[in-house]
Structures are given as structure tokens and as C-alpha cells.
C-alpha atoms as a PDB file:
ATOM      1  CA  UNK A   1       0.090  -0.171  -0.020  1.00  0.00           C
ATOM      2  CA  UNK A   2       1.035   3.454  -0.435  1.00  0.00           C
ATOM      3  CA  UNK A   3       0.552   6.096   2.336  1.00  0.00           C
ATOM      4  CA  UNK A   4       0.953   9.731   2.701  1.00  0.00           C
ATOM      5  CA  UNK A   5       2.106  10.889   6.240  1.00  0.00           C
ATOM      6  CA  UNK A   6       2.162  14.559   7.468  1.00  0.00           C
ATOM      7  CA  UNK A   7       4.342  15.569  10.261  1.00  0.00           C
ATOM      8  CA  UNK A   8       6.507  12.677   9.312  1.00  0.00           C
ATOM      9  CA  UNK A   9       9.686  14.042  11.073  1.00  0.00           C
ATOM     10  CA  UNK A  10       7.955  14.634  14.221  1.00  0.00           C
ATOM     11  CA  UNK A  11       7.675  12.412  17.324  1.00  0.00           C
ATOM     12  CA  UNK A  12       4.686  10.239  16.382  1.00  0.00           C
ATOM     13  CA  UNK A  13       4.897  10.827  12.936  1.00  0.00           C
ATOM     14  CA  UNK A  14       8.495   9.495  12.509  1.00  0.00           C
ATOM     15  CA  UNK A  15       7.584   6.258  14.423  1.00  0.00           C
ATOM     16  CA  UNK A  16       4.532   5.498  12.277  1.00  0.00           C
ATOM     17  CA  UNK A  17       6.704   6.045   9.196  1.00  0.00           C
ATOM     18  CA  UNK A  18       9.103   3.556  10.607  1.00  0.00           C
ATOM     19  CA  UNK A  19       6.361   1.129  11.228  1.00  0.00           C
ATOM     20  CA  UNK A  20       4.747   1.512   7.910  1.00  0.00           C
ATOM     21  CA  UNK A  21       8.147   0.938   5.915  1.00  0.00           C
ATOM     22  CA  UNK A  22       8.890  -1.857   8.065  1.00  0.00           C
ATOM     23  CA  UNK A  23       5.676  -3.408   6.925  1.00  0.00           C
ATOM     24  CA  UNK A  24       6.756  -3.248   3.303  1.00  0.00           C
ATOM     25  CA  UNK A  25       4.664  -0.268   2.527  1.00  0.00           C
ATOM     26  CA  UNK A  26       5.516   2.864   0.311  1.00  0.00           C
ATOM     27  CA  UNK A  27       5.388   6.160   2.212  1.00  0.00           C
ATOM     28  CA  UNK A  28       5.406   9.525   1.108  1.00  0.00           C
ATOM     29  CA  UNK A  29       6.578  11.747   4.058  1.00  0.00           C
ATOM     30  CA  UNK A  30       5.840  15.417   4.529  1.00  0.00           C
ATOM     31  CA  UNK A  31       7.196  17.720   7.142  1.00  0.00           C
ATOM     32  CA  UNK A  32       8.264  21.378   7.085  1.00  0.00           C
ATOM     33  CA  UNK A  33      10.738  20.682   9.950  1.00  0.00           C
ATOM     34  CA  UNK A  34       9.616  23.511  12.027  1.00  0.00           C
ATOM     35  CA  UNK A  35       9.386  20.940  15.177  1.00  0.00           C
ATOM     36  CA  UNK A  36      10.373  17.757  13.284  1.00  0.00           C
ATOM     37  CA  UNK A  37      14.054  16.656  12.707  1.00  0.00           C
ATOM     38  CA  UNK A  38      15.371  15.433   9.402  1.00  0.00           C
ATOM     39  CA  UNK A  39      17.464  12.647  11.169  1.00  0.00           C
ATOM     40  CA  UNK A  40      14.099  11.136  12.210  1.00  0.00           C
ATOM     41  CA  UNK A  41      12.719  10.464   8.608  1.00  0.00           C
ATOM     42  CA  UNK A  42      13.160   7.037   7.543  1.00  0.00           C
ATOM     43  CA  UNK A  43      15.645   6.748   4.507  1.00  0.00           C
ATOM     44  CA  UNK A  44      13.349   4.357   2.619  1.00  0.00           C
ATOM     45  CA  UNK A  45      10.489   6.784   2.190  1.00  0.00           C
ATOM     46  CA  UNK A  46       9.951   9.631  -0.316  1.00  0.00           C
ATOM     47  CA  UNK A  47      10.415  12.884   1.973  1.00  0.00           C
ATOM     48  CA  UNK A  48       9.026  16.294   1.066  1.00  0.00           C
ATOM     49  CA  UNK A  49      10.070  19.202   3.073  1.00  0.00           C
ATOM     50  CA  UNK A  50       6.879  21.482   2.860  1.00  0.00           C
ATOM     51  CA  UNK A  51       4.299  23.162   4.725  1.00  0.00           C
ATOM     52  CA  UNK A  52       1.010  22.115   4.658  1.00  0.00           C
ATOM     53  CA  UNK A  53      -0.105  25.580   4.845  1.00  0.00           C
ATOM     54  CA  UNK A  54       1.278  25.941   1.357  1.00  0.00           C
ATOM     55  CA  UNK A  55      -1.785  24.788  -0.487  1.00  0.00           C
ATOM     56  CA  UNK A  56      -0.269  24.918  -4.015  1.00  0.00           C
ATOM     57  CA  UNK A  57       2.907  22.946  -3.281  1.00  0.00           C
ATOM     58  CA  UNK A  58       0.968  20.531  -1.251  1.00  0.00           C
ATOM     59  CA  UNK A  59      -1.289  20.051  -4.394  1.00  0.00           C
ATOM     60  CA  UNK A  60       1.756  19.605  -6.510  1.00  0.00           C
ATOM     61  CA  UNK A  61       3.295  16.953  -4.547  1.00  0.00           C
ATOM     62  CA  UNK A  62       0.023  15.058  -4.091  1.00  0.00           C
ATOM     63  CA  UNK A  63      -0.727  15.053  -7.837  1.00  0.00           C
ATOM     64  CA  UNK A  64       2.757  13.961  -8.378  1.00  0.00           C
ATOM     65  CA  UNK A  65       2.526  10.969  -5.903  1.00  0.00           C
ATOM     66  CA  UNK A  66      -0.903   9.984  -6.739  1.00  0.00           C
ATOM     67  CA  UNK A  67      -2.746   7.389  -6.290  1.00  0.00           C
ATOM     68  CA  UNK A  68      -2.323   7.238  -2.551  1.00  0.00           C
ATOM     69  CA  UNK A  69      -4.156   4.735  -0.661  1.00  0.00           C
ATOM     70  CA  UNK A  70      -4.376   6.074   2.681  1.00  0.00           C
ATOM     71  CA  UNK A  71      -3.710   9.695   4.313  1.00  0.00           C
ATOM     72  CA  UNK A  72      -2.460   9.967   7.896  1.00  0.00           C
ATOM     73  CA  UNK A  73      -2.318  13.325   9.078  1.00  0.00           C
ATOM     74  CA  UNK A  74      -0.094  13.720  11.954  1.00  0.00           C
ATOM     75  CA  UNK A  75       1.236  17.348  11.420  1.00  0.00           C
ATOM     76  CA  UNK A  76       0.307  19.704  14.252  1.00  0.00           C
ATOM     77  CA  UNK A  77       1.568  22.325  16.498  1.00  0.00           C
ATOM     78  CA  UNK A  78       1.350  21.990  20.312  1.00  0.00           C
ATOM     79  CA  UNK A  79       1.617  25.433  22.289  1.00  0.00           C
ATOM     80  CA  UNK A  80       4.006  25.344  25.408  1.00  0.00           C
ATOM     81  CA  UNK A  81       0.895  26.423  27.392  1.00  0.00           C
ATOM     82  CA  UNK A  82      -2.151  28.682  27.609  1.00  0.00           C
ATOM     83  CA  UNK A  83       0.364  31.702  28.415  1.00  0.00           C
ATOM     84  CA  UNK A  84       2.274  30.787  25.374  1.00  0.00           C
ATOM     85  CA  UNK A  85      -0.399  29.768  22.890  1.00  0.00           C
ATOM     86  CA  UNK A  86      -0.655  31.489  19.405  1.00  0.00           C
ATOM     87  CA  UNK A  87      -4.036  31.398  17.956  1.00  0.00           C
ATOM     88  CA  UNK A  88      -2.994  32.558  14.437  1.00  0.00           C
ATOM     89  CA  UNK A  89      -0.657  29.375  14.270  1.00  0.00           C
ATOM     90  CA  UNK A  90      -2.973  27.069  15.698  1.00  0.00           C
ATOM     91  CA  UNK A  91      -5.836  28.211  13.139  1.00  0.00           C
ATOM     92  CA  UNK A  92      -3.208  28.177  10.144  1.00  0.00           C
ATOM     93  CA  UNK A  93      -1.730  24.633  10.927  1.00  0.00           C
ATOM     94  CA  UNK A  94      -4.283  22.697  12.919  1.00  0.00           C
ATOM     95  CA  UNK A  95      -7.325  24.097  11.007  1.00  0.00           C
ATOM     96  CA  UNK A  96      -6.417  25.430   7.732  1.00  0.00           C
ATOM     97  CA  UNK A  97      -3.464  23.011   7.076  1.00  0.00           C
ATOM     98  CA  UNK A  98      -5.995  20.160   7.777  1.00  0.00           C
ATOM     99  CA  UNK A  99      -8.498  21.806   5.307  1.00  0.00           C
ATOM    100  CA  UNK A 100      -5.775  22.005   2.843  1.00  0.00           C
ATOM    101  CA  UNK A 101      -5.071  18.461   2.908  1.00  0.00           C
ATOM    102  CA  UNK A 102      -8.846  17.230   2.834  1.00  0.00           C
ATOM    103  CA  UNK A 103      -9.280  19.291  -0.203  1.00  0.00           C
ATOM    104  CA  UNK A 104      -6.681  16.916  -1.941  1.00  0.00           C
ATOM    105  CA  UNK A 105      -8.542  13.765  -1.093  1.00  0.00           C
ATOM    106  CA  UNK A 106      -9.944  13.247  -4.352  1.00  0.00           C
ATOM    107  CA  UNK A 107      -7.098  14.184  -6.492  1.00  0.00           C
ATOM    108  CA  UNK A 108      -4.875  11.642  -4.169  1.00  0.00           C
ATOM    109  CA  UNK A 109      -7.107   8.867  -4.689  1.00  0.00           C
ATOM    110  CA  UNK A 110      -7.200   7.991  -1.197  1.00  0.00           C
ATOM    111  CA  UNK A 111     -10.042   5.825   0.433  1.00  0.00           C
ATOM    112  CA  UNK A 112      -9.139   6.555   3.998  1.00  0.00           C
ATOM    113  CA  UNK A 113      -8.105   9.546   5.978  1.00  0.00           C
ATOM    114  CA  UNK A 114      -6.753   9.098   9.501  1.00  0.00           C
ATOM    115  CA  UNK A 115      -6.518  12.092  11.756  1.00  0.00           C
ATOM    116  CA  UNK A 116      -4.409  12.526  14.854  1.00  0.00           C
ATOM    117  CA  UNK A 117      -6.551  14.654  17.149  1.00  0.00           C
ATOM    118  CA  UNK A 118      -6.115  15.015  21.025  1.00  0.00           C
ATOM    119  CA  UNK A 119      -7.953  14.707  24.225  1.00  0.00           C
ATOM    120  CA  UNK A 120      -7.495  18.411  24.509  1.00  0.00           C
ATOM    121  CA  UNK A 121     -10.707  18.740  22.896  1.00  0.00           C
ATOM    122  CA  UNK A 122     -12.236  17.698  26.197  1.00  0.00           C
ATOM    123  CA  UNK A 123     -11.158  20.612  28.342  1.00  0.00           C
ATOM    124  CA  UNK A 124     -11.938  19.895  32.061  1.00  0.00           C
ATOM    125  CA  UNK A 125     -14.414  17.277  32.186  1.00  0.00           C
ATOM    126  CA  UNK A 126     -16.529  16.892  35.518  1.00  0.00           C
ATOM    127  CA  UNK A 127     -16.796  13.317  35.016  1.00  0.00           C
ATOM    128  CA  UNK A 128     -14.115  10.938  34.612  1.00  0.00           C
ATOM    129  CA  UNK A 129     -12.980   8.924  32.484  1.00  0.00           C
ATOM    130  CA  UNK A 130     -13.667  10.922  29.376  1.00  0.00           C
ATOM    131  CA  UNK A 131     -15.852   9.101  26.904  1.00  0.00           C
ATOM    132  CA  UNK A 132     -16.272   9.911  23.252  1.00  0.00           C
ATOM    133  CA  UNK A 133     -20.232   9.239  23.671  1.00  0.00           C
ATOM    134  CA  UNK A 134     -21.019  10.928  26.801  1.00  0.00           C
ATOM    135  CA  UNK A 135     -18.192  13.617  27.360  1.00  0.00           C
ATOM    136  CA  UNK A 136     -19.229  16.818  25.692  1.00  0.00           C
ATOM    137  CA  UNK A 137     -16.135  18.425  24.321  1.00  0.00           C
ATOM    138  CA  UNK A 138     -15.461  21.861  25.880  1.00  0.00           C
ATOM    139  CA  UNK A 139     -11.770  22.693  25.038  1.00  0.00           C
ATOM    140  CA  UNK A 140     -10.295  25.497  27.101  1.00  0.00           C
ATOM    141  CA  UNK A 141      -7.459  26.515  25.089  1.00  0.00           C
ATOM    142  CA  UNK A 142      -6.656  27.613  21.525  1.00  0.00           C
ATOM    143  CA  UNK A 143      -5.011  24.111  20.660  1.00  0.00           C
ATOM    144  CA  UNK A 144      -8.011  22.011  21.733  1.00  0.00           C
ATOM    145  CA  UNK A 145     -10.538  24.548  19.942  1.00  0.00           C
ATOM    146  CA  UNK A 146      -8.533  24.130  16.656  1.00  0.00           C
ATOM    147  CA  UNK A 147      -8.456  20.297  17.123  1.00  0.00           C
ATOM    148  CA  UNK A 148     -11.923  20.209  17.651  1.00  0.00           C
ATOM    149  CA  UNK A 149     -12.673  22.361  14.649  1.00  0.00           C
ATOM    150  CA  UNK A 150     -10.351  20.190  12.491  1.00  0.00           C
ATOM    151  CA  UNK A 151     -12.162  17.061  13.626  1.00  0.00           C
ATOM    152  CA  UNK A 152     -15.464  18.569  12.298  1.00  0.00           C
ATOM    153  CA  UNK A 153     -14.095  19.469   8.942  1.00  0.00           C
ATOM    154  CA  UNK A 154     -12.595  15.848   8.576  1.00  0.00           C
ATOM    155  CA  UNK A 155     -16.046  14.288   9.199  1.00  0.00           C
ATOM    156  CA  UNK A 156     -17.645  17.033   7.126  1.00  0.00           C
ATOM    157  CA  UNK A 157     -15.334  16.321   3.957  1.00  0.00           C
ATOM    158  CA  UNK A 158     -15.263  12.608   4.311  1.00  0.00           C
ATOM    159  CA  UNK A 159     -18.790  11.968   4.849  1.00  0.00           C
ATOM    160  CA  UNK A 160     -20.655  14.893   3.258  1.00  0.00           C
ATOM    161  CA  UNK A 161     -18.364  15.672   0.330  1.00  0.00           C
ATOM    162  CA  UNK A 162     -16.559  12.380  -0.616  1.00  0.00           C
ATOM    163  CA  UNK A 163     -17.035   8.758  -0.008  1.00  0.00           C
ATOM    164  CA  UNK A 164     -13.591   8.488   1.976  1.00  0.00           C
ATOM    165  CA  UNK A 165     -13.787   6.622   5.173  1.00  0.00           C
ATOM    166  CA  UNK A 166     -12.262   8.469   8.242  1.00  0.00           C
ATOM    167  CA  UNK A 167     -10.602   7.606  11.683  1.00  0.00           C
ATOM    168  CA  UNK A 168     -10.150  10.276  14.274  1.00  0.00           C
ATOM    169  CA  UNK A 169      -8.048   9.312  16.981  1.00  0.00           C
ATOM    170  CA  UNK A 170      -7.995  11.313  20.182  1.00  0.00           C
ATOM    171  CA  UNK A 171      -4.535  10.879  21.594  1.00  0.00           C
ATOM    172  CA  UNK A 172      -3.872  11.029  25.300  1.00  0.00           C
ATOM    173  CA  UNK A 173      -0.431  12.010  26.530  1.00  0.00           C
ATOM    174  CA  UNK A 174       1.956  10.166  24.365  1.00  0.00           C
ATOM    175  CA  UNK A 175       5.627   9.643  25.438  1.00  0.00           C
ATOM    176  CA  UNK A 176       8.858   7.938  24.182  1.00  0.00           C
ATOM    177  CA  UNK A 177      11.915   8.598  22.209  1.00  0.00           C
ATOM    178  CA  UNK A 178      12.174  11.425  19.874  1.00  0.00           C
ATOM    179  CA  UNK A 179       9.689  13.667  21.778  1.00  0.00           C
ATOM    180  CA  UNK A 180      10.561  17.316  21.789  1.00  0.00           C
ATOM    181  CA  UNK A 181      10.554  19.448  24.753  1.00  0.00           C
ATOM    182  CA  UNK A 182       7.190  21.309  24.356  1.00  0.00           C
ATOM    183  CA  UNK A 183       3.965  21.648  26.272  1.00  0.00           C
ATOM    184  CA  UNK A 184       2.442  19.903  29.196  1.00  0.00           C
ATOM    185  CA  UNK A 185       1.998  16.507  27.274  1.00  0.00           C
ATOM    186  CA  UNK A 186       5.849  16.259  27.361  1.00  0.00           C
ATOM    187  CA  UNK A 187       6.123  15.986  31.211  1.00  0.00           C
ATOM    188  CA  UNK A 188       7.883  12.604  31.106  1.00  0.00           C
ATOM    189  CA  UNK A 189      10.222  14.086  28.366  1.00  0.00           C
ATOM    190  CA  UNK A 190      10.878  17.215  30.544  1.00  0.00           C
ATOM    191  CA  UNK A 191      11.739  14.978  33.627  1.00  0.00           C
ATOM    192  CA  UNK A 192      14.092  12.558  31.666  1.00  0.00           C
ATOM    193  CA  UNK A 193      15.846  15.409  30.254  1.00  0.00           C
ATOM    194  CA  UNK A 194      16.308  17.082  33.665  1.00  0.00           C
ATOM    195  CA  UNK A 195      17.760  13.795  34.868  1.00  0.00           C
ATOM    196  CA  UNK A 196      20.116  13.339  31.824  1.00  0.00           C
ATOM    197  CA  UNK A 197      21.385  16.930  32.599  1.00  0.00           C
ATOM    198  CA  UNK A 198      21.751  16.283  36.358  1.00  0.00           C
ATOM    199  CA  UNK A 199      19.140  19.102  37.078  1.00  0.00           C
ATOM    200  CA  UNK A 200      16.160  19.001  39.301  1.00  0.00           C
ATOM    201  CA  UNK A 201      12.980  17.999  37.942  1.00  0.00           C
ATOM    202  CA  UNK A 202      10.544  21.078  37.856  1.00  0.00           C
ATOM    203  CA  UNK A 203       7.199  19.960  39.530  1.00  0.00           C
ATOM    204  CA  UNK A 204       4.220  22.356  39.120  1.00  0.00           C
ATOM    205  CA  UNK A 205       1.666  21.993  41.872  1.00  0.00           C
ATOM    206  CA  UNK A 206       1.588  19.019  44.313  1.00  0.00           C
ATOM    207  CA  UNK A 207       2.112  16.498  41.726  1.00  0.00           C
ATOM    208  CA  UNK A 208      -1.288  14.672  42.553  1.00  0.00           C
ATOM    209  CA  UNK A 209      -2.764  15.683  39.233  1.00  0.00           C
ATOM    210  CA  UNK A 210      -3.668  12.783  37.011  1.00  0.00           C
ATOM    211  CA  UNK A 211      -3.070  12.311  33.171  1.00  0.00           C
ATOM    212  CA  UNK A 212      -3.390   9.366  30.880  1.00  0.00           C
ATOM    213  CA  UNK A 213       0.044   8.326  29.459  1.00  0.00           C
ATOM    214  CA  UNK A 214       0.674   6.152  26.869  1.00  0.00           C
ATOM    215  CA  UNK A 215       3.890   4.923  25.413  1.00  0.00           C
ATOM    216  CA  UNK A 216       4.408   5.696  21.664  1.00  0.00           C
ATOM    217  CA  UNK A 217       4.737   2.062  20.208  1.00  0.00           C
ATOM    218  CA  UNK A 218       1.149   1.475  21.797  1.00  0.00           C
ATOM    219  CA  UNK A 219      -0.135   4.571  19.992  1.00  0.00           C
ATOM    220  CA  UNK A 220       1.444   3.550  16.661  1.00  0.00           C
ATOM    221  CA  UNK A 221      -0.318   0.046  17.070  1.00  0.00           C
ATOM    222  CA  UNK A 222      -3.570   1.676  17.526  1.00  0.00           C
ATOM    223  CA  UNK A 223      -3.150   4.203  14.571  1.00  0.00           C
ATOM    224  CA  UNK A 224      -1.985   1.437  12.032  1.00  0.00           C
ATOM    225  CA  UNK A 225      -5.127  -0.566  13.385  1.00  0.00           C
ATOM    226  CA  UNK A 226      -7.138   2.269  12.405  1.00  0.00           C
ATOM    227  CA  UNK A 227      -5.560   2.878   9.101  1.00  0.00           C
ATOM    228  CA  UNK A 228      -6.666  -0.709   8.095  1.00  0.00           C
ATOM    229  CA  UNK A 229     -10.162  -0.517   9.426  1.00  0.00           C
ATOM    230  CA  UNK A 230     -12.851   0.200   6.870  1.00  0.00           C
ATOM    231  CA  UNK A 231     -15.054   1.778   9.729  1.00  0.00           C
ATOM    232  CA  UNK A 232     -15.784   5.526  10.385  1.00  0.00           C
ATOM    233  CA  UNK A 233     -14.504   6.031  13.932  1.00  0.00           C
ATOM    234  CA  UNK A 234     -13.839   8.644  16.606  1.00  0.00           C
ATOM    235  CA  UNK A 235     -11.927   7.095  19.289  1.00  0.00           C
ATOM    236  CA  UNK A 236      -9.733   7.891  22.285  1.00  0.00           C
ATOM    237  CA  UNK A 237      -6.156   6.495  22.262  1.00  0.00           C
ATOM    238  CA  UNK A 238      -4.719   6.291  25.637  1.00  0.00           C
ATOM    239  CA  UNK A 239      -3.822   3.860  28.457  1.00  0.00           C
ATOM    240  CA  UNK A 240      -7.278   4.286  30.179  1.00  0.00           C
ATOM    241  CA  UNK A 241      -5.641   4.683  33.464  1.00  0.00           C
ATOM    242  CA  UNK A 242      -5.245   7.680  35.663  1.00  0.00           C
ATOM    243  CA  UNK A 243      -1.506   8.291  36.477  1.00  0.00           C
ATOM    244  CA  UNK A 244      -0.253  11.159  38.832  1.00  0.00           C
ATOM    245  CA  UNK A 245       2.668  12.898  38.004  1.00  0.00           C
ATOM    246  CA  UNK A 246       4.110  11.904  41.326  1.00  0.00           C
ATOM    247  CA  UNK A 247       3.712   8.487  40.283  1.00  0.00           C
ATOM    248  CA  UNK A 248       5.847   9.316  37.027  1.00  0.00           C
ATOM    249  CA  UNK A 249       8.641  10.922  39.419  1.00  0.00           C
ATOM    250  CA  UNK A 250       8.716   7.831  41.552  1.00  0.00           C
ATOM    251  CA  UNK A 251       9.214   5.431  38.452  1.00  0.00           C
ATOM    252  CA  UNK A 252      12.097   7.704  37.229  1.00  0.00           C
ATOM    253  CA  UNK A 253      13.546   7.475  40.725  1.00  0.00           C
ATOM    254  CA  UNK A 254      13.317   3.670  40.884  1.00  0.00           C
ATOM    255  CA  UNK A 255      15.001   3.420  37.338  1.00  0.00           C
ATOM    256  CA  UNK A 256      17.738   5.910  38.069  1.00  0.00           C
ATOM    257  CA  UNK A 257      21.194   5.369  39.613  1.00  0.00           C
ATOM    258  CA  UNK A 258      21.100   8.742  41.279  1.00  0.00           C
ATOM    259  CA  UNK A 259      18.982  10.692  43.683  1.00  0.00           C
ATOM    260  CA  UNK A 260      16.059  12.437  41.801  1.00  0.00           C
ATOM    261  CA  UNK A 261      15.863  16.170  42.903  1.00  0.00           C
ATOM    262  CA  UNK A 262      12.616  18.097  42.826  1.00  0.00           C
ATOM    263  CA  UNK A 263      12.154  21.749  42.200  1.00  0.00           C
ATOM    264  CA  UNK A 264       8.930  22.728  43.137  1.00  0.00           C
ATOM    265  CA  UNK A 265       6.940  25.533  41.585  1.00  0.00           C
ATOM    266  CA  UNK A 266       3.132  26.901  42.039  1.00  0.00           C
ATOM    267  CA  UNK A 267       0.606  25.299  39.800  1.00  0.00           C
ATOM    268  CA  UNK A 268       0.611  26.752  36.387  1.00  0.00           C
ATOM    269  CA  UNK A 269      -2.200  28.708  34.925  1.00  0.00           C
ATOM    270  CA  UNK A 270      -4.380  27.088  32.757  1.00  0.00           C
ATOM    271  CA  UNK A 271      -3.959  23.579  34.481  1.00  0.00           C
ATOM    272  CA  UNK A 272      -6.974  21.075  33.448  1.00  0.00           C
ATOM    273  CA  UNK A 273      -6.774  19.312  36.898  1.00  0.00           C
ATOM    274  CA  UNK A 274      -7.128  15.445  36.645  1.00  0.00           C
ATOM    275  CA  UNK A 275      -7.734  13.613  33.412  1.00  0.00           C
ATOM    276  CA  UNK A 276      -7.798  10.051  31.796  1.00  0.00           C
ATOM    277  CA  UNK A 277      -9.860   8.681  29.112  1.00  0.00           C
ATOM    278  CA  UNK A 278     -12.064   5.468  28.367  1.00  0.00           C
ATOM    279  CA  UNK A 279     -10.613   3.552  25.616  1.00  0.00           C
ATOM    280  CA  UNK A 280     -13.145   0.891  25.457  1.00  0.00           C
ATOM    281  CA  UNK A 281     -14.336   2.093  21.811  1.00  0.00           C
ATOM    282  CA  UNK A 282     -10.861   1.795  20.536  1.00  0.00           C
ATOM    283  CA  UNK A 283     -10.461  -1.774  22.154  1.00  0.00           C
ATOM    284  CA  UNK A 284     -13.700  -2.996  20.480  1.00  0.00           C
ATOM    285  CA  UNK A 285     -13.304  -1.229  17.150  1.00  0.00           C
ATOM    286  CA  UNK A 286      -9.608  -1.835  16.538  1.00  0.00           C
ATOM    287  CA  UNK A 287      -8.997  -5.029  18.803  1.00  0.00           C
ATOM    288  CA  UNK A 288      -6.303  -3.131  20.458  1.00  0.00           C
ATOM    289  CA  UNK A 289      -4.955  -2.734  24.009  1.00  0.00           C
ATOM    290  CA  UNK A 290      -1.704  -1.120  25.292  1.00  0.00           C
ATOM    291  CA  UNK A 291       1.075  -3.436  25.802  1.00  0.00           C
ATOM    292  CA  UNK A 292       3.718  -1.467  27.385  1.00  0.00           C
ATOM    293  CA  UNK A 293       3.826  -0.932  30.987  1.00  0.00           C
ATOM    294  CA  UNK A 294       4.566   2.685  32.362  1.00  0.00           C
ATOM    295  CA  UNK A 295       7.980   1.411  33.893  1.00  0.00           C
ATOM    296  CA  UNK A 296       9.273  -0.139  30.666  1.00  0.00           C
ATOM    297  CA  UNK A 297       8.067   3.093  28.487  1.00  0.00           C
ATOM    298  CA  UNK A 298       9.805   5.398  30.906  1.00  0.00           C
ATOM    299  CA  UNK A 299      12.849   3.195  30.940  1.00  0.00           C
ATOM    300  CA  UNK A 300      13.108   3.320  27.092  1.00  0.00           C
ATOM    301  CA  UNK A 301      12.564   7.041  27.082  1.00  0.00           C
ATOM    302  CA  UNK A 302      15.334   7.467  29.880  1.00  0.00           C
ATOM    303  CA  UNK A 303      17.842   5.519  27.904  1.00  0.00           C
ATOM    304  CA  UNK A 304      17.065   7.544  24.735  1.00  0.00           C
ATOM    305  CA  UNK A 305      17.177  10.772  26.576  1.00  0.00           C
ATOM    306  CA  UNK A 306      20.581  10.012  27.874  1.00  0.00           C
ATOM    307  CA  UNK A 307      21.980   8.943  24.706  1.00  0.00           C
ATOM    308  CA  UNK A 308      20.400  11.999  22.985  1.00  0.00           C
ATOM    309  CA  UNK A 309      21.891  14.392  25.572  1.00  0.00           C
ATOM    310  CA  UNK A 310      25.409  12.600  25.275  1.00  0.00           C
ATOM    311  CA  UNK A 311      25.363  13.122  21.422  1.00  0.00           C
ATOM    312  CA  UNK A 312      24.398  16.794  21.875  1.00  0.00           C
ATOM    313  CA  UNK A 313      27.337  17.265  24.040  1.00  0.00           C
ATOM    314  CA  UNK A 314      29.819  15.504  21.822  1.00  0.00           C
ATOM    315  CA  UNK A 315      28.591  17.550  18.767  1.00  0.00           C
ATOM    316  CA  UNK A 316      29.083  21.025  20.513  1.00  0.00           C
ATOM    317  CA  UNK A 317      32.637  19.974  22.037  1.00  0.00           C
END
């Protein structure tokens, strides 16, 4: 099969490309390298450095590479927090960029469109876990608003304007190797980076706030299962478990050979409080369950971060 993957040099996108190439597929990879890194891109794919906001260039590439079987839209911009959000960029990349891609479905020949959305669309749900069927999306930040708008455009283009099936995956807090330092979703990455640098871990609040953490390989497994499904779907992709930030620190301490030091700070503006999501729809529709334990996922991330830090030191010395 032939796939087009946007955000292919980024954290999740690059792992997805690796898995698709390993499966013997052709992959057309797109990334503007604003957040992604060229070194992450699998050498056995066809890579284009371009911005999905550039409608003309995007159209040119898709026409050149068509027919494409499946489009997997991973490209996105995540803000560092509510205080650092840029609404214009959210709108341009997360909404207009998505529309640009959707407008190319017919020319691409694709029969399926898979969109990487986010649990940020839920905001601060009163009842947990958040479910697709019962939790009304109420995003509290520009990123979540943009993601929800893009979801609606995906459903509109695929259901009303074409006969292309869609999969919308609301990713929880995905972590693992290649994750950049940005935003609240990168808490594991922030912590292991601090440890690699022999610096204190910055803890905002009391650490009892919960999130839903999923290791990247499990996220990729769910995404690939969605790719090969013919069903229209909107599902949560997470661990289905509530894990406190303090638990993350405990696991890092258990795995570390040195004492983990904590630098305490006030709760940040815009915190969502507690969150975790229900994944029963994904389990039922995709025949999928997370396989990687929190400890094993963090251990892999720590090993990667330590190596990455040493390589950076070597390159600057």
C-alpha cells in the first residue's frame, strides 16, 4: 500500500513512518521541519520538506505522488501552554492546514483519511474517564479548539463531500523516544531530560494531578489498526488509566542510579486538573490494547534521552 504521512519528521509521525516502511509499504513523508527533525525521517521513504499551509505546493506533491491509498495526518503545532499559545498559528496549521489536505482527497485517490486529534478537545470534564459518547467536548485553550474544529472538518469532507472513510484518534499524553520538549504533554520528556542533565525535576503543583500516559509504540499500534479499518470512527487512544505526576517521578527514581531532586513551583495557569480517558471504543473497534507498562516505557525514554544528551554534548564540544 501507499501512504501519505504528514508530520513525518515529528515525534509520533516518524515512528509511524518507520512502522509502515517496516511493513513493506510505500510512504510519502511530509514535514516542514519547524518542530520535526530530518534525522528522524526513515531513509526508505519519499520525503518532501513542505508546509501543509502551502496549498499550491501541497497540491503539486499529491498530484505527483497519486494514487495514494491512505492519508495519515499527524502534522500539528502544540503550544507550550495557555500563556504561550499563538491563536494565529493554531488556526493556520491545525485548521487551515487540515482543510488544505482534505481538499486534496479526491486528487490523491485515497480511500481513507486518519486524523491525529487530541484529548485536549475535552477541556476539564467533570466526570472521568472522558468518553467519546458521553463527554461533551469543551476545550479550554486554542489548541483544543483548533483540534475540535479540524475533527469536524474531517467528518464533513469525508462524509458529506466524498465517500472516503475516516478515523479520528484522540491521542492522550503520548511519550517516548524522539519527543521534543514542548507543552504539558511532554512531562515525561521534561523529567528525563532534566535527569540526563543532572538537573532538578521541575514540579508544578503538588504532583497529585492525573493524566493518561501512553507509550508511543502502543499509540502506533492503534494508529495502524485504524489505518487498516474500513469503519468511520472517533476513538480515544490512551492507557485508560489515571497516573499522577508523582507516580511518574517515583518510576524515574526507581529506574535511576542517582537521587532525583525536585524543584517545586506553583501550579501553572491553565492546568486542566485531573484527566484520563475511556478507551473501550478503541479496544472494541480496533482489537487493540496497550502492551507497554509505564515502567518499561519510561525506561526506554530515559535510555534514549541519556544517549541524545551525550550526542548533543559531543557535537558541541
